């Protein structure tokens, strides 16, 4: 009998105002340069999170072939995306920061510093490993962390998405969700107190319970060797009442909108989430055309309402310029795609996406 398979973090969703401007930044500093798909269409299935109406959007899924998950860069085209009404603090409910994997955290720190990026705090060492926080040009927070697993060497310092830092209210309940549903069954550390690496981040001078999780079993599935391993960090504020990061806003508004996992066995996962008290809130059912790719997707919520997306990929472009697509439903679900096939995605590099300074080049009336 087939079991559900989680191949890894496919992407983290980021709501932006200008998709190609933001993509240019992520290409420059995170190496997110492979266009998996890009399309402009209505988000017809997300009505529970878009005010009950379909909303027009322009979205692109892009990855870094060195390894890690990708970014789904997402822009409303029929409304102005809204920023949080108040400053986001450590432990606020939702995705507070995205983790980015690095080959050399110290070298990445020095590079970003030389480039004038907004580094928040200093380079910190914890449990024998260095890390630091940096903001993109749009105030989204990223944590740069070390990783020893890589898919392809493209001489970049970073890979793609390596996980997320998520605010929670009930640590035990949240740990159980990420263990039971997503397989993050191993605790790297669990600590309570104040933390030096958080003190320069808004709200970071308080008391917190902090847990870093990873999956003990290697991921399986078509894209597992590309996505690689990942981590989830849960932070619970102990001396203040946390806010919901997306309170009174729509999915797709500015910031981290969801964390997406590539899976096989959507029917099994649907039943499991229902039985365990986390029923799907969005469900496309059968195969859904996503421009150059096709599949089924669904959403559930963690105990505090953070959106977790599941994508079962059915068709994906491999040699797009030659019109060659791969039907994944005809393959054994646990089997990884051959390396040569994944590396052929390099033919889809987004060379037309260019980095530029959004502040300097944005029209004055639009700043």
Protein backbone atom coordinates (compact mmCIF):
# COMPACT_ATOMS: atom_id res chain seq x y z
CA UNK A 1 0.00 0.00 0.00
CA UNK A 2 1.31 3.41 -0.94
CA UNK A 3 2.25 5.76 1.89
CA UNK A 4 2.43 9.54 1.75
CA UNK A 5 5.79 10.82 0.62
CA UNK A 6 7.16 14.24 1.51
CA UNK A 7 10.04 15.06 -0.84
CA UNK A 8 11.02 18.26 0.94
CA UNK A 9 10.30 21.97 0.97
CA UNK A 10 9.31 22.86 -2.58
CA UNK A 11 9.17 26.59 -1.94
CA UNK A 12 8.37 29.39 0.45
CA UNK A 13 5.80 31.88 -0.78
CA UNK A 14 6.65 35.58 -0.65
CA UNK A 15 4.11 38.32 -1.34
CA UNK A 16 5.70 41.33 -3.07
CA UNK A 17 4.71 44.57 -4.75
CA UNK A 18 6.83 44.17 -7.91
CA UNK A 19 7.59 40.61 -8.88
CA UNK A 20 10.56 41.10 -11.20
CA UNK A 21 12.17 43.70 -8.99
CA UNK A 22 12.02 41.30 -6.03
CA UNK A 23 13.10 38.33 -8.14
CA UNK A 24 16.13 40.29 -9.30
CA UNK A 25 17.16 40.76 -5.65
CA UNK A 26 16.70 37.07 -4.84
CA UNK A 27 18.63 36.09 -7.96
CA UNK A 28 21.50 38.39 -7.03
CA UNK A 29 21.86 37.45 -3.36
CA UNK A 30 20.31 33.97 -3.02
CA UNK A 31 21.02 32.57 -6.50
CA UNK A 32 17.33 31.98 -7.24
CA UNK A 33 17.73 31.96 -11.01
CA UNK A 34 15.91 28.94 -12.49
CA UNK A 35 12.41 29.70 -13.75
CA UNK A 36 10.23 26.63 -13.14
CA UNK A 37 7.04 28.42 -14.09
CA UNK A 38 5.67 31.94 -14.39
CA UNK A 39 2.13 32.97 -15.16
CA UNK A 40 -0.49 35.65 -14.68
CA UNK A 41 -3.93 34.31 -13.73
CA UNK A 42 -6.69 34.45 -11.15
CA UNK A 43 -6.20 32.69 -7.79
CA UNK A 44 -9.55 30.95 -7.88
CA UNK A 45 -9.04 28.34 -5.15
CA UNK A 46 -7.81 30.58 -2.33
CA UNK A 47 -11.16 32.19 -1.50
CA UNK A 48 -10.97 31.46 2.25
CA UNK A 49 -7.87 33.68 2.37
CA UNK A 50 -8.64 36.32 -0.29
CA UNK A 51 -11.85 37.87 1.01
CA UNK A 52 -14.12 35.32 -0.68
CA UNK A 53 -13.27 36.52 -4.20
CA UNK A 54 -10.85 35.32 -6.90
CA UNK A 55 -7.89 37.68 -7.12
CA UNK A 56 -5.67 38.30 -10.11
CA UNK A 57 -2.00 37.73 -9.57
CA UNK A 58 1.35 37.27 -11.28
CA UNK A 59 3.41 34.46 -9.79
CA UNK A 60 6.71 32.72 -10.50
CA UNK A 61 8.36 29.66 -9.00
CA UNK A 62 12.15 29.90 -9.10
CA UNK A 63 14.88 27.72 -7.62
CA UNK A 64 18.64 27.58 -7.03
CA UNK A 65 20.14 24.43 -8.58
CA UNK A 66 22.76 24.19 -5.85
CA UNK A 67 19.97 22.81 -3.70
CA UNK A 68 17.18 23.69 -1.30
CA UNK A 69 13.61 24.72 -1.90
CA UNK A 70 12.58 27.53 -4.19
CA UNK A 71 10.68 30.80 -3.88
CA UNK A 72 7.14 31.37 -5.09
CA UNK A 73 7.26 35.08 -5.76
CA UNK A 74 3.70 36.36 -5.77
CA UNK A 75 2.20 39.74 -6.72
CA UNK A 76 -1.39 40.94 -6.77
CA UNK A 77 -2.28 42.66 -10.05
CA UNK A 78 -5.77 43.91 -9.20
CA UNK A 79 -5.17 45.36 -5.72
CA UNK A 80 -2.38 46.96 -3.75
CA UNK A 81 -0.83 44.33 -1.43
CA UNK A 82 -0.98 45.32 2.21
CA UNK A 83 1.89 45.44 4.69
CA UNK A 84 1.42 44.39 8.34
CA UNK A 85 -0.31 47.13 10.31
CA UNK A 86 2.25 46.88 13.12
CA UNK A 87 5.89 45.87 13.21
CA UNK A 88 6.45 42.11 13.26
CA UNK A 89 8.15 40.88 16.45
CA UNK A 90 9.94 37.68 17.37
CA UNK A 91 7.39 35.01 18.20
CA UNK A 92 4.51 36.64 16.33
CA UNK A 93 2.31 33.98 14.80
CA UNK A 94 3.23 32.89 11.32
CA UNK A 95 6.44 32.67 9.32
CA UNK A 96 8.71 35.20 10.96
CA UNK A 97 11.84 34.44 8.91
CA UNK A 98 12.94 32.14 6.10
CA UNK A 99 16.06 30.01 6.45
CA UNK A 100 18.60 30.06 3.59
CA UNK A 101 21.33 27.42 3.37
CA UNK A 102 24.93 28.55 2.97
CA UNK A 103 28.20 26.78 2.12
CA UNK A 104 30.17 29.32 4.16
CA UNK A 105 28.19 31.49 6.55
CA UNK A 106 31.14 33.73 7.43
CA UNK A 107 31.94 34.43 3.77
CA UNK A 108 28.26 35.10 3.05
CA UNK A 109 28.17 37.54 5.97
CA UNK A 110 31.21 39.41 4.65
CA UNK A 111 29.78 39.52 1.12
CA UNK A 112 26.44 40.91 2.25
CA UNK A 113 28.19 43.40 4.50
CA UNK A 114 30.35 44.64 1.61
CA UNK A 115 27.24 44.94 -0.56
CA UNK A 116 25.55 47.15 2.05
CA UNK A 117 22.71 44.75 2.80
CA UNK A 118 20.71 45.23 5.98
CA UNK A 119 22.28 42.73 8.36
CA UNK A 120 20.31 42.55 11.60
CA UNK A 121 22.63 42.09 14.56
CA UNK A 122 25.94 40.30 14.21
CA UNK A 123 27.36 36.99 13.14
CA UNK A 124 26.50 34.54 15.95
CA UNK A 125 27.74 31.11 16.90
CA UNK A 126 25.31 28.69 18.51
CA UNK A 127 25.80 24.98 19.13
CA UNK A 128 29.06 25.15 17.17
CA UNK A 129 27.53 26.66 14.03
CA UNK A 130 27.48 30.24 12.73
CA UNK A 131 24.37 32.05 11.53
CA UNK A 132 23.05 35.58 11.04
CA UNK A 133 19.93 37.46 9.98
CA UNK A 134 19.57 39.74 6.97
CA UNK A 135 16.65 41.66 5.48
CA UNK A 136 15.91 41.82 1.79
CA UNK A 137 15.12 45.12 0.09
CA UNK A 138 11.49 44.77 1.24
CA UNK A 139 12.12 44.20 4.97
CA UNK A 140 11.55 40.43 4.90
CA UNK A 141 13.86 38.65 7.35
CA UNK A 142 16.11 35.73 6.35
CA UNK A 143 18.35 33.60 8.54
CA UNK A 144 21.51 32.38 6.84
CA UNK A 145 22.48 28.96 8.23
CA UNK A 146 25.10 26.32 7.35
CA UNK A 147 24.41 23.19 5.35
CA UNK A 148 26.65 20.37 4.23
CA UNK A 149 24.34 18.90 1.57
CA UNK A 150 24.32 20.29 -1.96
CA UNK A 151 23.01 19.14 -5.31
CA UNK A 152 25.11 21.00 -7.90
CA UNK A 153 28.18 23.19 -7.55
CA UNK A 154 27.57 26.51 -9.29
CA UNK A 155 30.14 28.39 -7.21
CA UNK A 156 27.48 30.32 -5.29
CA UNK A 157 27.67 30.87 -1.55
CA UNK A 158 24.02 30.07 -0.91
CA UNK A 159 21.36 27.62 -1.89
CA UNK A 160 17.61 28.05 -1.60
CA UNK A 161 15.01 27.63 1.13
CA UNK A 162 16.15 25.53 4.07
CA UNK A 163 13.15 25.97 6.35
CA UNK A 164 11.46 28.67 8.36
CA UNK A 165 11.26 30.34 11.76
CA UNK A 166 7.64 30.16 12.92
CA UNK A 167 5.91 31.81 15.87
CA UNK A 168 3.66 29.59 18.00
CA UNK A 169 1.55 29.79 21.16
CA UNK A 170 1.63 26.17 22.38
CA UNK A 171 5.03 24.57 21.83
CA UNK A 172 3.99 20.98 22.52
CA UNK A 173 1.01 21.16 20.21
CA UNK A 174 3.08 22.74 17.44
CA UNK A 175 5.93 20.25 17.83
CA UNK A 176 3.41 17.45 17.43
CA UNK A 177 1.95 18.99 14.26
CA UNK A 178 5.34 19.35 12.55
CA UNK A 179 6.36 15.87 13.67
CA UNK A 180 3.17 13.98 12.83
CA UNK A 181 2.18 15.73 9.61
CA UNK A 182 5.55 16.78 8.17
CA UNK A 183 8.06 14.34 9.68
CA UNK A 184 10.18 16.78 11.72
CA UNK A 185 10.69 14.21 14.45
CA UNK A 186 14.15 15.10 15.79
CA UNK A 187 14.92 17.94 18.22
CA UNK A 188 18.29 19.59 17.54
CA UNK A 189 17.90 21.83 20.57
CA UNK A 190 15.19 23.05 22.90
CA UNK A 191 15.95 26.07 25.07
CA UNK A 192 14.19 28.68 27.19
CA UNK A 193 15.47 32.15 28.03
CA UNK A 194 16.74 35.26 26.30
CA UNK A 195 18.93 34.92 23.22
CA UNK A 196 21.74 37.16 21.95
CA UNK A 197 21.02 36.50 18.29
CA UNK A 198 17.41 37.72 18.67
CA UNK A 199 18.05 40.92 20.63
CA UNK A 200 18.52 43.19 17.61
CA UNK A 201 15.30 41.96 15.99
CA UNK A 202 12.03 43.73 16.95
CA UNK A 203 10.59 42.13 20.07
CA UNK A 204 13.70 40.00 20.50
CA UNK A 205 14.75 41.12 24.00
CA UNK A 206 12.11 39.10 25.79
CA UNK A 207 11.89 35.54 27.09
CA UNK A 208 11.28 32.74 24.64
CA UNK A 209 10.97 29.01 24.30
CA UNK A 210 12.86 27.96 21.21
CA UNK A 211 12.95 24.57 19.46
CA UNK A 212 14.85 23.59 16.32
CA UNK A 213 13.53 20.51 14.50
CA UNK A 214 14.77 18.36 11.64
CA UNK A 215 13.65 15.12 10.02
CA UNK A 216 15.63 12.03 10.98
CA UNK A 217 14.68 10.09 7.85
CA UNK A 218 16.00 11.15 4.44
CA UNK A 219 13.37 12.54 2.11
CA UNK A 220 12.19 10.42 -0.82
CA UNK A 221 10.53 11.28 -4.11
CA UNK A 222 11.23 12.81 -7.49
CA UNK A 223 12.85 16.06 -6.35
CA UNK A 224 14.21 14.92 -2.99
CA UNK A 225 17.90 15.13 -3.96
CA UNK A 226 17.40 18.70 -5.16
CA UNK A 227 15.35 19.93 -2.19
CA UNK A 228 17.53 18.11 0.34
CA UNK A 229 17.10 18.26 4.10
CA UNK A 230 15.46 21.13 5.97
CA UNK A 231 14.72 22.51 9.43
CA UNK A 232 11.82 24.13 11.22
CA UNK A 233 12.42 26.48 14.14
CA UNK A 234 9.52 27.19 16.50
CA UNK A 235 9.61 30.21 18.80
CA UNK A 236 7.12 30.89 21.58
CA UNK A 237 7.06 34.31 23.26
CA UNK A 238 6.72 33.83 27.02
CA UNK A 239 6.33 37.38 28.31
CA UNK A 240 4.03 39.02 25.76
CA UNK A 241 0.92 38.22 23.75
CA UNK A 242 1.98 37.49 20.15
CA UNK A 243 0.12 38.96 17.18
CA UNK A 244 -0.94 37.12 14.03
CA UNK A 245 1.38 38.30 11.25
CA UNK A 246 -1.42 38.10 8.69
CA UNK A 247 -4.21 39.47 10.89
CA UNK A 248 -6.73 41.45 8.80
CA UNK A 249 -4.76 40.82 5.61
CA UNK A 250 -5.09 38.50 2.63
CA UNK A 251 -2.91 35.58 1.64
CA UNK A 252 -0.64 37.07 -0.99
CA UNK A 253 -0.16 40.34 0.86
CA UNK A 254 3.39 41.39 1.70
CA UNK A 255 5.60 38.92 3.53
CA UNK A 256 5.93 35.16 3.85
CA UNK A 257 2.57 33.76 2.82
CA UNK A 258 3.06 29.98 3.16
CA UNK A 259 5.53 27.13 3.41
CA UNK A 260 5.04 24.54 0.64
CA UNK A 261 5.98 20.85 0.62
CA UNK A 262 6.32 18.64 -2.43
CA UNK A 263 4.39 15.42 -1.78
CA UNK A 264 2.95 12.23 -3.28
CA UNK A 265 -0.21 10.66 -1.92
CA UNK A 266 -2.58 13.61 -1.67
CA UNK A 267 -5.56 11.38 -0.89
CA UNK A 268 -3.73 9.76 2.01
CA UNK A 269 -2.55 13.11 3.32
CA UNK A 270 -6.04 14.58 3.06
CA UNK A 271 -7.42 11.79 5.27
CA UNK A 272 -4.53 11.98 7.73
CA UNK A 273 -4.89 15.73 8.21
CA UNK A 274 -8.63 15.35 8.72
CA UNK A 275 -8.24 12.58 11.32
CA UNK A 276 -5.56 14.51 13.23
CA UNK A 277 -7.62 17.68 13.38
CA UNK A 278 -5.98 19.70 10.60
CA UNK A 279 -8.40 19.34 7.65
CA UNK A 280 -7.56 20.87 4.29
CA UNK A 281 -8.89 24.41 3.99
CA UNK A 282 -8.14 24.60 0.25
CA UNK A 283 -8.16 21.57 -2.03
CA UNK A 284 -7.98 21.52 -5.84
CA UNK A 285 -8.79 17.82 -5.98
CA UNK A 286 -7.75 16.58 -9.41
CA UNK A 287 -4.87 17.86 -11.53
CA UNK A 288 -4.69 21.63 -11.85
CA UNK A 289 -2.92 23.41 -14.70
CA UNK A 290 -0.23 25.78 -13.37
CA UNK A 291 0.96 27.21 -16.67
CA UNK A 292 3.98 25.17 -17.72
CA UNK A 293 3.47 22.64 -14.93
CA UNK A 294 0.47 20.73 -13.61
CA UNK A 295 -0.51 19.09 -10.36
CA UNK A 296 -2.81 19.22 -7.38
CA UNK A 297 -2.41 21.45 -4.37
CA UNK A 298 -3.99 21.88 -0.98
CA UNK A 299 -3.57 23.89 2.19
CA UNK A 300 -3.85 23.19 5.87
CA UNK A 301 -3.10 25.34 8.90
CA UNK A 302 -0.75 24.64 11.78
CA UNK A 303 -2.21 25.07 15.30
CA UNK A 304 -1.79 28.86 15.08
CA UNK A 305 -3.05 29.32 11.53
CA UNK A 306 0.26 29.37 9.65
CA UNK A 307 -0.45 28.20 6.11
CA UNK A 308 1.17 24.96 4.98
CA UNK A 309 0.79 24.09 1.30
CA UNK A 310 1.07 20.63 -0.24
CA UNK A 311 1.79 20.24 -3.95
CA UNK A 312 1.58 16.93 -5.78
CA UNK A 313 3.38 17.60 -9.06
CA UNK A 314 1.97 15.69 -12.02
CA UNK A 315 3.74 17.29 -14.97
CA UNK A 316 6.87 19.42 -15.04
CA UNK A 317 8.94 20.90 -17.90
CA UNK A 318 12.36 19.30 -18.22
CA UNK A 319 13.56 20.55 -21.62
CA UNK A 320 11.08 23.37 -21.99
CA UNK A 321 12.61 24.87 -25.13
CA UNK A 322 12.19 21.50 -26.86
CA UNK A 323 8.68 21.02 -25.51
CA UNK A 324 9.70 18.04 -23.35
CA UNK A 325 7.65 17.49 -20.21
CA UNK A 326 7.82 14.71 -17.63
CA UNK A 327 4.73 12.90 -16.35
CA UNK A 328 5.65 12.09 -12.74
CA UNK A 329 2.51 10.03 -12.14
CA UNK A 330 3.99 7.27 -14.30
CA UNK A 331 7.06 6.92 -12.06
CA UNK A 332 7.53 5.11 -8.77
CA UNK A 333 6.63 7.79 -6.20
CA UNK A 334 9.61 7.15 -3.92
CA UNK A 335 12.20 7.21 -6.72
CA UNK A 336 14.35 10.31 -7.21
CA UNK A 337 14.76 11.75 -10.69
CA UNK A 338 18.20 11.15 -12.22
CA UNK A 339 20.69 13.95 -11.63
CA UNK A 340 21.11 14.69 -15.34
CA UNK A 341 17.41 15.36 -15.66
CA UNK A 342 17.34 17.75 -12.70
CA UNK A 343 20.48 19.51 -13.92
CA UNK A 344 18.79 20.08 -17.28
CA UNK A 345 16.66 22.66 -15.50
CA UNK A 346 19.68 24.93 -15.91
CA UNK A 347 18.40 25.53 -19.44
CA UNK A 348 15.58 27.51 -17.83
CA UNK A 349 17.80 30.13 -16.20
CA UNK A 350 16.00 33.45 -15.93
CA UNK A 351 18.60 35.54 -17.70
CA UNK A 352 16.01 38.23 -18.38
CA UNK A 353 15.70 38.97 -14.64
CA UNK A 354 18.18 41.66 -13.70
CA UNK A 355 19.06 43.06 -10.30
CA UNK A 356 18.67 46.77 -9.80
CA UNK A 357 18.43 49.03 -6.79
CA UNK A 358 14.67 49.35 -6.17
CA UNK A 359 15.04 52.57 -4.18
CA UNK A 360 17.21 54.36 -6.73
CA UNK A 361 15.24 53.26 -9.79
CA UNK A 362 11.69 53.39 -8.48
CA UNK A 363 9.77 56.50 -9.67
CA UNK A 364 9.79 59.22 -7.04
CA UNK A 365 5.99 59.33 -6.79
CA UNK A 366 5.96 55.58 -6.08
CA UNK A 367 8.37 55.54 -3.13
